[in-house]
N, C-alpha and C. Protein backbone atom coordinates (compact mmCIF):
# COMPACT_ATOMS: atom_id res chain seq x y z
N MET A 1 0.85 -1.19 0.00
CA MET A 1 0.00 0.00 0.00
C MET A 1 0.89 1.24 0.00
N MET A 2 0.54 2.20 -0.81
CA MET A 2 1.31 3.43 -0.95
C MET A 2 0.97 4.40 0.19
N GLU A 3 2.00 5.02 0.77
CA GLU A 3 1.80 6.02 1.82
C GLU A 3 1.24 7.30 1.20
N PRO A 4 0.37 8.01 1.91
CA PRO A 4 -0.13 9.28 1.38
C PRO A 4 1.01 10.27 1.26
N ARG A 5 1.03 11.05 0.21
CA ARG A 5 2.11 12.01 -0.05
C ARG A 5 1.91 13.31 0.73
N ASN A 6 0.70 13.78 0.81
CA ASN A 6 0.46 15.07 1.47
C ASN A 6 0.00 14.85 2.90
N VAL A 7 0.96 14.79 3.78
CA VAL A 7 0.68 14.54 5.19
C VAL A 7 0.90 15.84 5.95
N ASN A 8 -0.01 16.16 6.85
CA ASN A 8 0.15 17.35 7.67
C ASN A 8 1.02 16.99 8.87
N PHE A 9 2.28 17.46 8.85
CA PHE A 9 3.22 17.14 9.91
C PHE A 9 3.19 18.14 11.05
N LYS A 10 2.39 19.18 10.93
CA LYS A 10 2.40 20.25 11.92
C LYS A 10 1.97 19.74 13.30
N ASN A 11 2.67 20.23 14.32
CA ASN A 11 2.37 19.94 15.73
C ASN A 11 2.53 18.47 16.10
N GLN A 12 3.25 17.72 15.32
CA GLN A 12 3.53 16.34 15.67
C GLN A 12 5.01 16.23 16.01
N GLY A 13 5.34 15.30 16.84
CA GLY A 13 6.73 15.07 17.19
C GLY A 13 7.09 15.66 18.53
N TYR A 14 8.35 15.50 18.87
CA TYR A 14 8.86 15.89 20.18
C TYR A 14 9.80 17.08 20.07
N ASP A 15 10.08 17.67 21.22
CA ASP A 15 11.08 18.72 21.34
C ASP A 15 12.44 18.10 20.99
N THR A 16 13.18 18.75 20.12
CA THR A 16 14.50 18.26 19.71
C THR A 16 15.40 18.01 20.90
N ARG A 17 15.30 18.87 21.90
CA ARG A 17 16.16 18.73 23.08
C ARG A 17 15.90 17.43 23.83
N ALA A 18 14.68 16.96 23.83
CA ALA A 18 14.35 15.69 24.48
C ALA A 18 14.97 14.52 23.71
N ILE A 19 14.94 14.59 22.39
CA ILE A 19 15.55 13.53 21.58
C ILE A 19 17.07 13.56 21.76
N ALA A 20 17.64 14.76 21.80
CA ALA A 20 19.09 14.89 22.04
C ALA A 20 19.45 14.30 23.41
N ASN A 21 18.60 14.55 24.40
CA ASN A 21 18.86 13.98 25.73
C ASN A 21 18.85 12.46 25.70
N TYR A 22 17.96 11.88 24.90
CA TYR A 22 17.95 10.43 24.80
C TYR A 22 19.25 9.92 24.16
N PHE A 23 19.74 10.64 23.14
CA PHE A 23 21.03 10.27 22.55
C PHE A 23 22.16 10.43 23.57
N LEU A 24 22.10 11.46 24.41
CA LEU A 24 23.09 11.62 25.47
C LEU A 24 23.06 10.44 26.44
N TYR A 25 21.87 9.98 26.75
CA TYR A 25 21.68 8.81 27.62
C TYR A 25 22.33 7.57 26.99
N LEU A 26 22.05 7.36 25.70
CA LEU A 26 22.63 6.20 25.00
C LEU A 26 24.16 6.29 24.96
N ALA A 27 24.66 7.49 24.72
CA ALA A 27 26.11 7.68 24.66
C ALA A 27 26.75 7.39 26.01
N LYS A 28 26.16 7.92 27.06
CA LYS A 28 26.70 7.71 28.41
C LYS A 28 26.73 6.22 28.73
N ASN A 29 25.67 5.50 28.38
CA ASN A 29 25.61 4.06 28.63
C ASN A 29 26.61 3.27 27.78
N SER A 30 27.10 3.90 26.71
CA SER A 30 28.09 3.27 25.85
C SER A 30 29.50 3.76 26.15
N GLY A 31 29.64 4.59 27.19
CA GLY A 31 30.95 5.13 27.54
C GLY A 31 31.47 6.16 26.56
N ARG A 32 30.57 6.87 25.91
CA ARG A 32 30.95 7.86 24.90
C ARG A 32 30.47 9.25 25.31
N GLN A 33 31.01 10.24 24.63
CA GLN A 33 30.54 11.61 24.78
C GLN A 33 30.15 12.12 23.41
N LEU A 34 29.22 13.05 23.38
CA LEU A 34 28.76 13.65 22.13
C LEU A 34 28.98 15.15 22.15
N THR A 35 29.23 15.70 20.97
CA THR A 35 29.40 17.14 20.82
C THR A 35 28.09 17.77 20.35
N ASN A 36 28.07 19.10 20.36
CA ASN A 36 26.92 19.83 19.85
C ASN A 36 26.61 19.40 18.41
N MET A 37 27.65 19.29 17.57
CA MET A 37 27.42 18.93 16.17
C MET A 37 26.81 17.53 16.06
N GLN A 38 27.32 16.58 16.83
CA GLN A 38 26.74 15.23 16.80
C GLN A 38 25.30 15.26 17.27
N LEU A 39 25.01 16.10 18.27
CA LEU A 39 23.65 16.18 18.79
C LEU A 39 22.72 16.97 17.87
N GLN A 40 23.25 17.64 16.88
CA GLN A 40 22.42 18.22 15.83
C GLN A 40 22.09 17.16 14.78
N LYS A 41 23.10 16.39 14.42
CA LYS A 41 22.94 15.45 13.31
C LYS A 41 22.18 14.18 13.68
N LEU A 42 22.43 13.61 14.85
CA LEU A 42 21.76 12.36 15.22
C LEU A 42 20.24 12.51 15.31
N PRO A 43 19.71 13.54 15.98
CA PRO A 43 18.25 13.71 15.96
C PRO A 43 17.70 13.96 14.55
N TYR A 44 18.45 14.70 13.74
CA TYR A 44 18.02 14.96 12.36
C TYR A 44 17.92 13.64 11.58
N ILE A 45 18.92 12.80 11.72
CA ILE A 45 18.92 11.50 11.03
C ILE A 45 17.76 10.64 11.54
N ALA A 46 17.55 10.61 12.85
CA ALA A 46 16.43 9.85 13.41
C ALA A 46 15.10 10.39 12.90
N HIS A 47 14.99 11.70 12.81
CA HIS A 47 13.78 12.34 12.28
C HIS A 47 13.54 11.91 10.83
N GLY A 48 14.61 11.92 10.04
CA GLY A 48 14.49 11.51 8.64
C GLY A 48 14.03 10.07 8.50
N TRP A 49 14.62 9.18 9.29
CA TRP A 49 14.21 7.77 9.22
C TRP A 49 12.78 7.58 9.73
N SER A 50 12.37 8.38 10.70
CA SER A 50 10.99 8.29 11.18
C SER A 50 10.02 8.70 10.08
N LEU A 51 10.34 9.76 9.37
CA LEU A 51 9.47 10.20 8.27
C LEU A 51 9.37 9.14 7.19
N ALA A 52 10.50 8.51 6.87
CA ALA A 52 10.51 7.52 5.79
C ALA A 52 9.87 6.20 6.20
N LEU A 53 10.20 5.73 7.40
CA LEU A 53 9.75 4.40 7.81
C LEU A 53 8.36 4.39 8.44
N ARG A 54 8.01 5.49 9.12
CA ARG A 54 6.75 5.50 9.87
C ARG A 54 5.76 6.54 9.38
N ASN A 55 6.23 7.42 8.49
CA ASN A 55 5.40 8.49 7.95
C ASN A 55 4.93 9.47 9.03
N ILE A 56 5.71 9.57 10.10
CA ILE A 56 5.42 10.54 11.17
C ILE A 56 6.72 11.22 11.58
N PRO A 57 6.64 12.49 11.94
CA PRO A 57 7.85 13.18 12.39
C PRO A 57 8.23 12.75 13.80
N LEU A 58 9.50 12.64 14.05
CA LEU A 58 9.99 12.38 15.39
C LEU A 58 10.12 13.71 16.14
N ILE A 59 10.44 14.76 15.40
CA ILE A 59 10.73 16.07 15.98
C ILE A 59 9.76 17.11 15.43
N ARG A 60 9.23 17.94 16.33
CA ARG A 60 8.27 18.96 15.91
C ARG A 60 8.93 20.28 15.54
N ASP A 61 10.17 20.49 15.98
CA ASP A 61 10.84 21.76 15.77
C ASP A 61 11.35 21.88 14.33
N PRO A 62 11.35 23.09 13.80
CA PRO A 62 11.90 23.26 12.45
C PRO A 62 13.42 23.08 12.45
N VAL A 63 13.92 22.51 11.37
CA VAL A 63 15.36 22.36 11.17
C VAL A 63 15.77 23.32 10.06
N GLU A 64 16.92 23.94 10.23
CA GLU A 64 17.39 24.93 9.27
C GLU A 64 18.69 24.48 8.62
N ALA A 65 18.91 24.97 7.40
CA ALA A 65 20.14 24.70 6.66
C ALA A 65 21.17 25.75 7.03
N TRP A 66 22.09 25.39 7.91
CA TRP A 66 23.19 26.27 8.31
C TRP A 66 24.45 25.85 7.56
N ARG A 67 25.48 26.63 7.71
CA ARG A 67 26.74 26.38 6.99
C ARG A 67 27.24 24.95 7.18
N TYR A 68 27.17 24.41 8.38
CA TYR A 68 27.70 23.08 8.66
C TYR A 68 26.63 22.00 8.67
N GLY A 69 25.52 22.26 8.01
CA GLY A 69 24.50 21.24 7.87
C GLY A 69 23.21 21.59 8.57
N PRO A 70 22.32 20.62 8.69
CA PRO A 70 21.04 20.83 9.36
C PRO A 70 21.24 21.17 10.83
N VAL A 71 20.55 22.20 11.30
CA VAL A 71 20.66 22.64 12.69
C VAL A 71 19.26 22.93 13.23
N TYR A 72 19.02 22.47 14.45
CA TYR A 72 17.81 22.84 15.19
C TYR A 72 18.18 24.03 16.06
N PRO A 73 17.69 25.23 15.73
CA PRO A 73 18.11 26.43 16.47
C PRO A 73 17.88 26.36 17.97
N ASN A 74 16.74 25.79 18.41
CA ASN A 74 16.49 25.72 19.85
C ASN A 74 17.51 24.81 20.55
N LEU A 75 17.90 23.74 19.90
CA LEU A 75 18.90 22.84 20.45
C LEU A 75 20.27 23.52 20.44
N TYR A 76 20.58 24.20 19.36
CA TYR A 76 21.86 24.91 19.26
C TYR A 76 22.01 25.92 20.39
N SER A 77 20.96 26.68 20.65
CA SER A 77 21.00 27.66 21.74
C SER A 77 21.22 27.00 23.09
N SER A 78 20.59 25.86 23.29
CA SER A 78 20.73 25.15 24.56
C SER A 78 22.12 24.56 24.76
N LEU A 79 22.82 24.28 23.66
CA LEU A 79 24.14 23.67 23.74
C LEU A 79 25.28 24.66 23.54
N ALA A 80 24.95 25.92 23.32
CA ALA A 80 25.98 26.93 23.02
C ALA A 80 27.04 27.01 24.11
N MET A 81 26.67 26.76 25.34
CA MET A 81 27.62 26.87 26.45
C MET A 81 28.77 25.87 26.33
N TYR A 82 28.59 24.81 25.52
CA TYR A 82 29.63 23.80 25.36
C TYR A 82 30.56 24.09 24.19
N GLY A 83 30.22 25.05 23.36
CA GLY A 83 31.02 25.33 22.17
C GLY A 83 31.11 24.09 21.31
N SER A 84 32.31 23.77 20.85
CA SER A 84 32.49 22.57 20.02
C SER A 84 32.91 21.36 20.86
N GLY A 85 32.97 21.54 22.18
CA GLY A 85 33.38 20.44 23.06
C GLY A 85 32.26 19.46 23.34
N SER A 86 32.57 18.51 24.18
CA SER A 86 31.60 17.48 24.56
C SER A 86 30.51 18.08 25.45
N VAL A 87 29.31 17.60 25.25
CA VAL A 87 28.18 18.00 26.08
C VAL A 87 28.23 17.11 27.32
N MET A 88 28.36 17.73 28.47
CA MET A 88 28.65 16.99 29.69
C MET A 88 27.42 16.62 30.52
N GLU A 89 26.30 17.31 30.28
CA GLU A 89 25.09 17.06 31.08
C GLU A 89 23.86 17.08 30.19
N SER A 90 22.78 16.55 30.72
CA SER A 90 21.50 16.60 30.01
C SER A 90 21.08 18.04 29.79
N ILE A 91 20.32 18.24 28.75
CA ILE A 91 19.81 19.57 28.41
C ILE A 91 18.61 19.87 29.30
N ARG A 92 18.58 21.09 29.80
CA ARG A 92 17.52 21.52 30.71
C ARG A 92 16.74 22.67 30.09
N GLU A 93 15.58 22.93 30.66
CA GLU A 93 14.64 23.91 30.13
C GLU A 93 15.25 25.29 29.87
N ASN A 94 16.08 25.78 30.76
CA ASN A 94 16.57 27.16 30.66
C ASN A 94 18.00 27.25 30.13
N ASP A 95 18.51 26.21 29.52
CA ASP A 95 19.90 26.21 29.09
C ASP A 95 20.23 27.29 28.06
N SER A 96 19.26 27.77 27.33
CA SER A 96 19.53 28.81 26.34
C SER A 96 19.41 30.22 26.93
N SER A 97 19.03 30.31 28.20
CA SER A 97 18.87 31.61 28.86
C SER A 97 20.22 32.14 29.35
N PRO A 98 20.36 33.47 29.40
CA PRO A 98 21.58 34.04 29.98
C PRO A 98 21.74 33.57 31.43
N GLY A 99 22.96 33.22 31.81
CA GLY A 99 23.21 32.76 33.17
C GLY A 99 22.81 31.33 33.43
N ALA A 100 22.50 30.59 32.39
CA ALA A 100 22.03 29.21 32.55
C ALA A 100 23.12 28.30 33.11
N TRP A 101 24.35 28.73 33.09
CA TRP A 101 25.43 27.90 33.61
C TRP A 101 25.28 27.63 35.10
N ALA A 102 24.59 28.53 35.77
CA ALA A 102 24.35 28.32 37.20
C ALA A 102 23.32 27.20 37.33
N LEU A 103 23.70 26.11 37.95
CA LEU A 103 22.85 24.92 38.00
C LEU A 103 21.47 25.19 38.57
N ASP A 104 21.35 26.13 39.51
CA ASP A 104 20.05 26.38 40.11
C ASP A 104 19.11 27.14 39.16
N LYS A 105 19.62 27.63 38.04
CA LYS A 105 18.79 28.38 37.09
C LYS A 105 18.47 27.58 35.83
N ARG A 106 18.95 26.35 35.74
CA ARG A 106 18.81 25.59 34.51
C ARG A 106 17.42 25.01 34.30
N GLY A 107 16.67 24.79 35.31
CA GLY A 107 15.33 24.22 35.15
C GLY A 107 15.38 22.71 35.04
N ASP A 108 14.22 22.14 34.73
CA ASP A 108 14.08 20.69 34.63
C ASP A 108 14.71 20.15 33.36
N GLU A 109 15.11 18.89 33.42
CA GLU A 109 15.63 18.21 32.22
C GLU A 109 14.52 18.12 31.18
N VAL A 110 14.86 18.38 29.93
CA VAL A 110 13.88 18.28 28.85
C VAL A 110 13.70 16.80 28.52
N GLN A 111 12.47 16.33 28.69
CA GLN A 111 12.15 14.92 28.46
C GLN A 111 10.93 14.80 27.57
N ALA A 112 10.73 13.61 27.07
CA ALA A 112 9.55 13.30 26.27
C ALA A 112 9.03 11.93 26.69
N ASN A 113 7.76 11.73 26.56
CA ASN A 113 7.14 10.45 26.83
C ASN A 113 7.21 9.62 25.55
N LEU A 114 8.40 9.06 25.28
CA LEU A 114 8.62 8.32 24.05
C LEU A 114 7.86 6.99 24.06
N THR A 115 7.31 6.63 22.91
CA THR A 115 6.68 5.32 22.77
C THR A 115 7.78 4.26 22.57
N GLN A 116 7.42 3.01 22.70
CA GLN A 116 8.40 1.95 22.45
C GLN A 116 8.88 1.99 21.00
N ASP A 117 8.00 2.35 20.08
CA ASP A 117 8.38 2.47 18.67
C ASP A 117 9.40 3.59 18.48
N ASP A 118 9.19 4.72 19.18
CA ASP A 118 10.16 5.83 19.13
C ASP A 118 11.51 5.37 19.66
N ILE A 119 11.51 4.70 20.78
CA ILE A 119 12.75 4.22 21.41
C ILE A 119 13.47 3.25 20.48
N ASN A 120 12.71 2.34 19.87
CA ASN A 120 13.31 1.38 18.94
C ASN A 120 13.97 2.09 17.76
N LEU A 121 13.30 3.10 17.23
CA LEU A 121 13.85 3.87 16.11
C LEU A 121 15.14 4.59 16.51
N ILE A 122 15.10 5.28 17.63
CA ILE A 122 16.28 6.03 18.09
C ILE A 122 17.43 5.08 18.40
N ASN A 123 17.12 3.95 19.04
CA ASN A 123 18.15 2.95 19.32
C ASN A 123 18.78 2.42 18.03
N ALA A 124 17.96 2.20 17.01
CA ALA A 124 18.48 1.72 15.72
C ALA A 124 19.39 2.76 15.08
N VAL A 125 19.00 4.02 15.14
CA VAL A 125 19.86 5.08 14.61
C VAL A 125 21.17 5.11 15.39
N TRP A 126 21.09 5.04 16.71
CA TRP A 126 22.30 5.03 17.53
C TRP A 126 23.21 3.85 17.14
N ASN A 127 22.63 2.68 17.00
CA ASN A 127 23.43 1.49 16.67
C ASN A 127 24.12 1.63 15.31
N ASN A 128 23.48 2.33 14.39
CA ASN A 128 24.04 2.48 13.04
C ASN A 128 24.99 3.67 12.90
N TYR A 129 24.87 4.69 13.74
CA TYR A 129 25.64 5.92 13.55
C TYR A 129 26.53 6.29 14.74
N GLN A 130 26.56 5.50 15.79
CA GLN A 130 27.31 5.87 17.00
C GLN A 130 28.81 6.00 16.76
N ASP A 131 29.34 5.31 15.79
CA ASP A 131 30.79 5.38 15.53
C ASP A 131 31.19 6.54 14.62
N PHE A 132 30.23 7.31 14.15
CA PHE A 132 30.52 8.45 13.30
C PHE A 132 30.89 9.65 14.17
N ASN A 133 32.00 10.30 13.86
CA ASN A 133 32.33 11.53 14.58
C ASN A 133 31.51 12.69 14.01
N ALA A 134 31.64 13.85 14.60
CA ALA A 134 30.84 15.01 14.20
C ALA A 134 31.03 15.35 12.73
N PHE A 135 32.26 15.28 12.25
CA PHE A 135 32.53 15.67 10.87
C PHE A 135 32.03 14.63 9.88
N GLN A 136 32.05 13.38 10.25
CA GLN A 136 31.49 12.33 9.39
C GLN A 136 29.97 12.48 9.29
N LEU A 137 29.32 12.76 10.43
CA LEU A 137 27.87 12.97 10.41
C LEU A 137 27.54 14.20 9.57
N SER A 138 28.32 15.25 9.74
CA SER A 138 28.10 16.47 8.97
C SER A 138 28.27 16.19 7.48
N ALA A 139 29.30 15.42 7.12
CA ALA A 139 29.54 15.09 5.72
C ALA A 139 28.37 14.33 5.11
N LEU A 140 27.73 13.46 5.90
CA LEU A 140 26.56 12.73 5.40
C LEU A 140 25.45 13.69 4.98
N THR A 141 25.30 14.76 5.74
CA THR A 141 24.22 15.71 5.46
C THR A 141 24.60 16.72 4.39
N HIS A 142 25.88 16.77 4.00
CA HIS A 142 26.36 17.73 3.01
C HIS A 142 26.51 17.15 1.61
N GLN A 143 26.17 15.92 1.44
CA GLN A 143 26.31 15.31 0.12
C GLN A 143 25.39 15.99 -0.88
N PRO A 144 25.75 15.94 -2.16
CA PRO A 144 24.86 16.52 -3.18
C PRO A 144 23.48 15.88 -3.13
N ASP A 145 22.49 16.67 -3.39
CA ASP A 145 21.08 16.24 -3.43
C ASP A 145 20.50 15.86 -2.08
N THR A 146 21.16 16.21 -0.98
CA THR A 146 20.54 16.04 0.33
C THR A 146 19.60 17.21 0.56
N PRO A 147 18.67 17.08 1.49
CA PRO A 147 17.78 18.21 1.78
C PRO A 147 18.56 19.47 2.15
N TRP A 148 19.64 19.32 2.92
CA TRP A 148 20.46 20.48 3.28
C TRP A 148 21.01 21.16 2.04
N SER A 149 21.61 20.40 1.13
CA SER A 149 22.24 21.00 -0.05
C SER A 149 21.20 21.69 -0.94
N LYS A 150 20.05 21.07 -1.08
CA LYS A 150 19.01 21.67 -1.93
C LYS A 150 18.53 23.01 -1.37
N ILE A 151 18.32 23.06 -0.07
CA ILE A 151 17.81 24.29 0.55
C ILE A 151 18.92 25.33 0.71
N HIS A 152 20.07 24.92 1.20
CA HIS A 152 21.17 25.87 1.44
C HIS A 152 21.65 26.48 0.13
N ASN A 153 21.78 25.67 -0.91
CA ASN A 153 22.25 26.18 -2.20
C ASN A 153 21.25 27.10 -2.87
N LYS A 154 19.97 26.86 -2.64
CA LYS A 154 18.93 27.67 -3.28
C LYS A 154 18.55 28.91 -2.47
N PHE A 155 18.45 28.77 -1.15
CA PHE A 155 17.92 29.86 -0.33
C PHE A 155 18.93 30.45 0.66
N GLY A 156 20.08 29.79 0.85
CA GLY A 156 21.09 30.32 1.73
C GLY A 156 20.97 29.86 3.17
N ASP A 157 21.84 30.44 3.99
CA ASP A 157 21.97 30.07 5.39
C ASP A 157 20.70 30.35 6.18
N ARG A 158 20.39 29.43 7.07
CA ARG A 158 19.29 29.53 8.03
C ARG A 158 17.89 29.46 7.40
N SER A 159 17.80 28.80 6.28
CA SER A 159 16.50 28.56 5.65
C SER A 159 15.95 27.23 6.16
N THR A 160 14.64 27.17 6.36
CA THR A 160 14.01 25.97 6.89
C THR A 160 14.01 24.85 5.85
N ILE A 161 14.32 23.64 6.32
CA ILE A 161 14.28 22.45 5.47
C ILE A 161 12.93 21.78 5.69
N PRO A 162 12.09 21.69 4.65
CA PRO A 162 10.76 21.09 4.82
C PRO A 162 10.80 19.59 5.10
N ASN A 163 9.87 19.12 5.92
CA ASN A 163 9.78 17.70 6.24
C ASN A 163 9.58 16.83 4.99
N GLU A 164 8.83 17.30 4.04
CA GLU A 164 8.59 16.51 2.82
C GLU A 164 9.90 16.23 2.09
N LEU A 165 10.78 17.21 2.06
CA LEU A 165 12.08 17.04 1.41
C LEU A 165 12.94 16.03 2.19
N ILE A 166 12.91 16.12 3.50
CA ILE A 166 13.64 15.18 4.35
C ILE A 166 13.08 13.76 4.14
N LYS A 167 11.77 13.66 4.15
CA LYS A 167 11.12 12.36 3.97
C LYS A 167 11.51 11.74 2.62
N ASP A 168 11.45 12.53 1.56
CA ASP A 168 11.81 12.03 0.22
C ASP A 168 13.25 11.52 0.19
N HIS A 169 14.15 12.26 0.83
CA HIS A 169 15.56 11.87 0.86
C HIS A 169 15.74 10.52 1.55
N TYR A 170 15.13 10.37 2.70
CA TYR A 170 15.29 9.11 3.45
C TYR A 170 14.54 7.97 2.78
N ASN A 171 13.45 8.26 2.08
CA ASN A 171 12.79 7.22 1.27
C ASN A 171 13.74 6.75 0.17
N ASN A 172 14.46 7.69 -0.46
CA ASN A 172 15.43 7.32 -1.51
C ASN A 172 16.56 6.48 -0.92
N LEU A 173 17.04 6.82 0.26
CA LEU A 173 18.07 6.01 0.91
C LEU A 173 17.56 4.60 1.16
N LEU A 174 16.30 4.51 1.59
CA LEU A 174 15.68 3.21 1.86
C LEU A 174 15.58 2.39 0.57
N GLU A 175 15.16 3.03 -0.49
CA GLU A 175 15.03 2.33 -1.79
C GLU A 175 16.39 1.85 -2.30
N ASN A 176 17.43 2.65 -2.09
CA ASN A 176 18.75 2.28 -2.56
C ASN A 176 19.38 1.15 -1.77
N ARG A 177 18.85 0.87 -0.57
CA ARG A 177 19.34 -0.24 0.24
C ARG A 177 18.78 -1.59 -0.23
N LYS A 178 17.70 -1.53 -0.97
CA LYS A 178 17.04 -2.76 -1.40
C LYS A 178 17.76 -3.41 -2.56
């Protein structure tokens, strides 16, 4: 059966920061650390596979085409305090606020009530991409004809990448695996 092409993705999915926190959890349990760039790319990849495999968005936040690939601005703001280094703690509600470095001002950890299907998807992405460093993940998103390249080359920096374009790309990846 063919999936419907015109799906309304609005208001579906989770906060990117909650998905990033789940990747941080997986990394910690694997004895690894993740950088801001890795935490931009892994949720994006999981979102793409969710669109292709399940026809539903994993993430509700818009993703933009920045110089170094797809970026979730709200996640980027929350991780800015780490620069290009490893993210050492879970992301909290107020991490993008001035003075958020003070632990008493950070707020609650950003979480989501993930379904078992969501967890399975994110775990599968982790299992397939955990050995990729930040630059390798970035390179995956910078290949010709990726959603990032199509939007960034046509509209420039900080333009929104539509879910339909992401879905089509990951559907093509799925077809090429067969």
